[in-house]
N, C-alpha and C. Protein backbone atom coordinates (compact mmCIF):
# COMPACT_ATOMS: atom_id res chain seq x y z
N UNK A 1 116.01 85.07 21.18
CA UNK A 1 116.75 85.36 20.06
C UNK A 1 118.32 85.69 19.87
N UNK A 2 118.76 85.78 19.20
CA UNK A 2 120.29 86.33 19.20
C UNK A 2 120.29 87.45 18.79
N UNK A 3 121.12 88.62 19.17
CA UNK A 3 121.22 89.61 18.76
C UNK A 3 122.85 90.11 18.21
N UNK A 4 122.92 91.08 17.19
CA UNK A 4 124.58 91.55 17.19
C UNK A 4 124.89 92.37 18.19
N UNK A 5 125.83 92.37 18.88
CA UNK A 5 126.65 93.14 19.95
C UNK A 5 127.68 93.65 18.88
N UNK A 6 127.56 94.94 18.90
CA UNK A 6 128.72 95.63 17.72
C UNK A 6 129.53 96.52 18.68
N UNK A 7 129.71 96.11 20.24
CA UNK A 7 130.59 97.23 21.22
C UNK A 7 131.95 96.18 21.38
N UNK A 8 132.43 95.34 20.20
CA UNK A 8 133.74 94.56 20.17
C UNK A 8 134.60 95.11 19.61
N UNK A 9 135.82 94.65 19.54
CA UNK A 9 136.89 95.10 19.22
C UNK A 9 136.71 94.99 17.51
N UNK A 10 137.71 95.47 16.60
CA UNK A 10 137.47 95.47 15.03
C UNK A 10 137.82 93.76 14.86
N UNK A 11 137.43 93.18 14.33
CA UNK A 11 137.34 91.96 13.62
C UNK A 11 136.75 90.32 14.37
N UNK A 12 136.28 91.53 15.28
CA UNK A 12 135.64 90.37 16.30
C UNK A 12 134.18 90.43 15.97
N UNK A 13 133.38 89.42 15.61
CA UNK A 13 131.83 89.24 15.64
C UNK A 13 131.34 88.80 17.01
N UNK A 14 130.29 89.68 17.57
CA UNK A 14 129.82 89.36 18.68
C UNK A 14 128.29 89.27 18.45
N UNK A 15 127.72 87.96 19.48
CA UNK A 15 125.93 87.86 19.64
C UNK A 15 125.67 87.78 20.70
N UNK A 16 124.68 87.85 21.43
CA UNK A 16 124.24 87.53 22.74
C UNK A 16 122.99 86.68 22.23
N UNK A 17 122.92 85.53 23.16
CA UNK A 17 121.80 84.77 23.16
C UNK A 17 120.70 85.27 24.43
N UNK A 18 119.50 85.99 23.95
CA UNK A 18 118.55 86.37 24.52
C UNK A 18 117.12 85.63 24.43
N UNK A 19 116.72 85.13 25.81
CA UNK A 19 115.16 84.62 25.61
C UNK A 19 115.34 83.53 24.94
N UNK A 20 114.31 83.44 23.91
CA UNK A 20 114.29 81.73 22.81
C UNK A 20 115.27 81.81 21.92
N UNK A 21 116.06 81.21 21.60
CA UNK A 21 116.30 80.91 20.48
C UNK A 21 115.85 80.47 19.30
N UNK A 22 115.48 80.61 17.84
CA UNK A 22 114.61 80.24 16.96
C UNK A 22 115.79 80.00 15.80
N UNK A 23 115.42 79.25 14.80
CA UNK A 23 115.92 79.06 13.15
C UNK A 23 115.90 80.54 13.09
N UNK A 24 115.12 81.13 12.70
CA UNK A 24 114.93 82.93 12.03
C UNK A 24 116.04 82.97 12.50
N UNK A 25 116.57 83.14 13.93
CA UNK A 25 117.84 83.90 14.58
C UNK A 25 119.11 83.45 13.74
N UNK A 26 119.10 82.52 13.51
CA UNK A 26 120.42 81.68 12.34
C UNK A 26 120.59 82.12 11.39
N UNK A 27 118.96 82.47 10.90
CA UNK A 27 119.02 82.88 9.59
C UNK A 27 119.49 84.35 9.35
N UNK A 28 119.05 85.26 9.98
CA UNK A 28 118.84 86.53 10.08
C UNK A 28 120.03 87.15 10.69
N UNK A 29 120.80 86.21 11.96
CA UNK A 29 122.23 86.75 12.56
C UNK A 29 123.50 86.15 12.11
N UNK A 30 123.52 84.87 12.25
CA UNK A 30 124.61 84.11 12.29
C UNK A 30 125.17 83.79 11.01
N UNK A 31 123.98 83.20 10.34
CA UNK A 31 124.71 82.74 8.89
C UNK A 31 125.12 84.00 8.12
N UNK A 32 124.59 85.30 8.18
CA UNK A 32 125.81 86.27 7.46
C UNK A 32 126.72 86.72 7.68
N UNK A 33 126.74 86.78 9.10
CA UNK A 33 128.21 86.85 10.13
C UNK A 33 129.46 85.81 9.24
N UNK A 34 128.87 84.52 9.30
CA UNK A 34 129.91 83.33 8.62
C UNK A 34 130.04 83.49 7.26
N UNK A 35 128.74 83.92 6.32
CA UNK A 35 128.85 84.47 4.74
C UNK A 35 130.06 85.48 4.52
N UNK A 36 129.93 86.54 5.57
CA UNK A 36 131.08 87.52 5.13
C UNK A 36 132.44 87.26 5.29
N UNK A 37 132.71 86.22 6.61
CA UNK A 37 133.75 85.89 7.11
C UNK A 37 134.05 85.31 5.74
N UNK A 38 133.82 84.54 5.21
CA UNK A 38 134.02 83.41 3.97
C UNK A 38 134.00 84.48 2.68
N UNK A 39 133.29 85.02 2.64
CA UNK A 39 133.53 86.03 1.05
C UNK A 39 134.87 86.74 1.54
N UNK A 40 134.88 87.10 2.49
CA UNK A 40 136.16 88.21 2.80
C UNK A 40 137.43 87.26 2.96
N UNK A 41 137.00 85.84 3.00
CA UNK A 41 138.62 85.23 2.64
C UNK A 41 139.32 85.81 4.26
N UNK A 42 138.52 85.70 5.36
CA UNK A 42 139.22 86.09 6.42
C UNK A 42 138.83 85.11 7.87
N UNK A 43 139.89 85.01 8.79
CA UNK A 43 139.35 83.80 9.79
C UNK A 43 138.08 84.66 10.78
N UNK A 44 137.02 83.84 11.28
CA UNK A 44 136.07 84.20 11.95
C UNK A 44 136.39 84.15 13.46
N UNK A 45 136.62 85.74 14.31
CA UNK A 45 136.65 85.44 15.57
C UNK A 45 135.26 85.89 15.94
N UNK A 46 134.70 85.21 17.42
CA UNK A 46 133.23 85.03 17.28
C UNK A 46 133.07 84.90 19.27
N UNK A 47 132.43 85.86 19.51
CA UNK A 47 132.15 85.78 20.71
C UNK A 47 130.77 85.94 21.09
N UNK A 48 130.01 85.13 21.73
CA UNK A 48 128.86 84.45 22.03
C UNK A 48 128.57 85.03 23.55
N UNK A 49 127.70 85.94 24.16
CA UNK A 49 127.38 86.01 25.17
C UNK A 49 125.75 85.20 25.52
N UNK A 50 125.78 84.29 26.54
CA UNK A 50 124.42 84.05 27.07
C UNK A 50 123.74 84.49 27.94
N UNK A 51 122.88 85.43 27.65
CA UNK A 51 122.63 86.74 28.82
C UNK A 51 121.68 85.97 29.55
N UNK A 52 121.72 86.64 30.68
CA UNK A 52 120.69 86.05 32.20
C UNK A 52 119.46 85.82 31.08
N UNK A 53 118.99 86.75 30.69
CA UNK A 53 117.63 86.10 30.22
C UNK A 53 117.63 85.00 29.15
N UNK A 54 118.60 84.37 28.83
CA UNK A 54 118.36 83.13 27.69
C UNK A 54 117.98 82.08 28.67
N UNK A 55 116.60 81.71 27.93
CA UNK A 55 115.63 80.59 28.28
C UNK A 55 115.69 79.35 27.61
N UNK A 56 116.43 79.22 25.96
CA UNK A 56 116.54 77.94 25.82
C UNK A 56 116.37 78.06 24.27
N UNK A 57 116.36 76.81 23.70
CA UNK A 57 116.54 77.04 21.77
C UNK A 57 115.18 76.12 21.35
N UNK A 58 114.89 76.41 20.42
CA UNK A 58 113.98 75.43 19.60
C UNK A 58 114.75 74.25 19.10
N UNK A 59 114.15 72.94 18.90
CA UNK A 59 115.00 72.20 18.03
C UNK A 59 115.26 72.65 16.92
N UNK A 60 114.73 73.31 16.06
CA UNK A 60 115.43 73.42 14.82
C UNK A 60 116.50 74.56 15.21
N UNK A 61 116.39 75.24 15.94
CA UNK A 61 117.93 76.44 16.48
C UNK A 61 118.96 75.70 17.12
N UNK A 62 118.97 74.21 17.53
CA UNK A 62 120.15 73.54 17.87
C UNK A 62 120.19 72.80 16.39
N UNK A 63 119.62 72.48 15.83
CA UNK A 63 120.02 71.88 14.49
C UNK A 63 121.02 72.67 13.69
N UNK A 64 120.35 74.04 13.54
CA UNK A 64 120.95 75.31 13.19
C UNK A 64 122.19 75.77 13.21
N UNK A 65 122.52 75.72 15.04
CA UNK A 65 123.72 75.37 15.72
C UNK A 65 124.64 74.69 15.33
N UNK A 66 124.53 73.24 15.15
CA UNK A 66 125.29 72.47 14.80
C UNK A 66 125.39 72.76 13.70
N UNK A 67 124.70 72.67 12.22
CA UNK A 67 125.05 72.61 11.17
C UNK A 67 126.05 73.81 10.60
N UNK A 68 125.61 75.03 11.31
CA UNK A 68 126.87 76.19 10.83
C UNK A 68 127.78 75.99 11.97
N UNK A 69 127.80 75.48 13.15
CA UNK A 69 128.84 75.27 13.74
C UNK A 69 130.21 74.32 12.71
N UNK A 70 129.62 73.41 12.20
CA UNK A 70 130.45 72.29 11.33
C UNK A 70 130.92 73.16 10.36
N UNK A 71 129.56 74.02 9.20
CA UNK A 71 130.43 74.79 8.06
C UNK A 71 131.42 75.89 8.52
N UNK A 72 131.58 76.34 9.71
CA UNK A 72 132.16 77.86 10.38
C UNK A 72 133.41 76.80 10.93
N UNK A 73 133.67 75.75 10.97
CA UNK A 73 134.86 75.48 11.89
C UNK A 73 135.75 75.56 11.25
N UNK A 74 136.17 75.29 9.48
CA UNK A 74 137.12 75.61 9.25
C UNK A 74 137.79 77.39 8.71
N UNK A 75 136.79 77.87 9.44
CA UNK A 75 137.09 79.53 9.30
C UNK A 75 137.02 80.07 10.16
N UNK A 76 136.91 79.13 11.34
CA UNK A 76 137.55 79.68 12.95
C UNK A 76 138.64 80.54 13.37
N UNK A 77 138.96 81.44 13.48
CA UNK A 77 140.30 81.93 14.00
C UNK A 77 140.08 81.83 15.61
N UNK A 78 138.95 81.87 16.23
CA UNK A 78 138.84 82.16 17.73
C UNK A 78 137.61 82.04 17.73
N UNK A 79 136.96 81.61 18.87
CA UNK A 79 135.65 81.56 19.60
C UNK A 79 135.59 81.52 20.90
N UNK A 80 134.56 82.34 21.64
CA UNK A 80 134.38 82.06 22.97
C UNK A 80 133.02 82.45 23.52
N UNK A 81 132.64 81.68 24.33
CA UNK A 81 131.33 81.93 24.98
C UNK A 81 131.52 82.09 26.48
N UNK A 82 130.35 83.15 26.42
CA UNK A 82 130.61 83.78 28.13
C UNK A 82 128.96 83.76 28.60
N UNK A 83 129.18 83.45 29.88
CA UNK A 83 127.67 83.58 30.64
C UNK A 83 128.06 84.11 32.12
N UNK A 84 126.90 85.27 32.25
CA UNK A 84 127.22 85.77 33.47
C UNK A 84 126.98 85.00 34.59
N UNK A 85 126.17 83.53 34.56
CA UNK A 85 125.98 82.76 35.58
C UNK A 85 126.79 81.82 35.43
N UNK A 86 127.84 81.71 34.63
CA UNK A 86 128.99 80.57 34.62
C UNK A 86 130.31 81.06 35.72
N UNK A 87 130.26 82.75 35.96
CA UNK A 87 131.51 82.61 36.66
C UNK A 87 131.15 82.66 38.05
N UNK A 88 132.25 82.61 39.03
CA UNK A 88 132.03 82.44 40.37
C UNK A 88 131.45 83.97 41.21
N UNK A 89 130.81 83.49 42.06
CA UNK A 89 129.69 84.67 42.35
C UNK A 89 130.91 85.30 43.56
N UNK A 90 131.86 84.79 43.69
CA UNK A 90 132.76 86.13 44.48
C UNK A 90 132.54 85.51 46.26
N UNK A 91 131.81 84.89 46.37
CA UNK A 91 131.45 84.10 47.94
C UNK A 91 132.22 83.38 48.53
């Protein structure tokens, strides 16, 4: 599932991927974020956190990720992905 994370600075859209991501998640969460940026004629700044509980994406979700990614590309002012498992352990 994709959840909105509202605890971010103004002007940043943040989402968190948890469990299995489906096309419905893109329809309900990601597409409205992109539509709002386009309607407001502002650059899209997005942060995607891949939670430790993320287990994968359905094939339809992968397609929606690519499709919406290309649609958003010209509107992006910045983007980042963060995952707790991608950070060093410090040992």
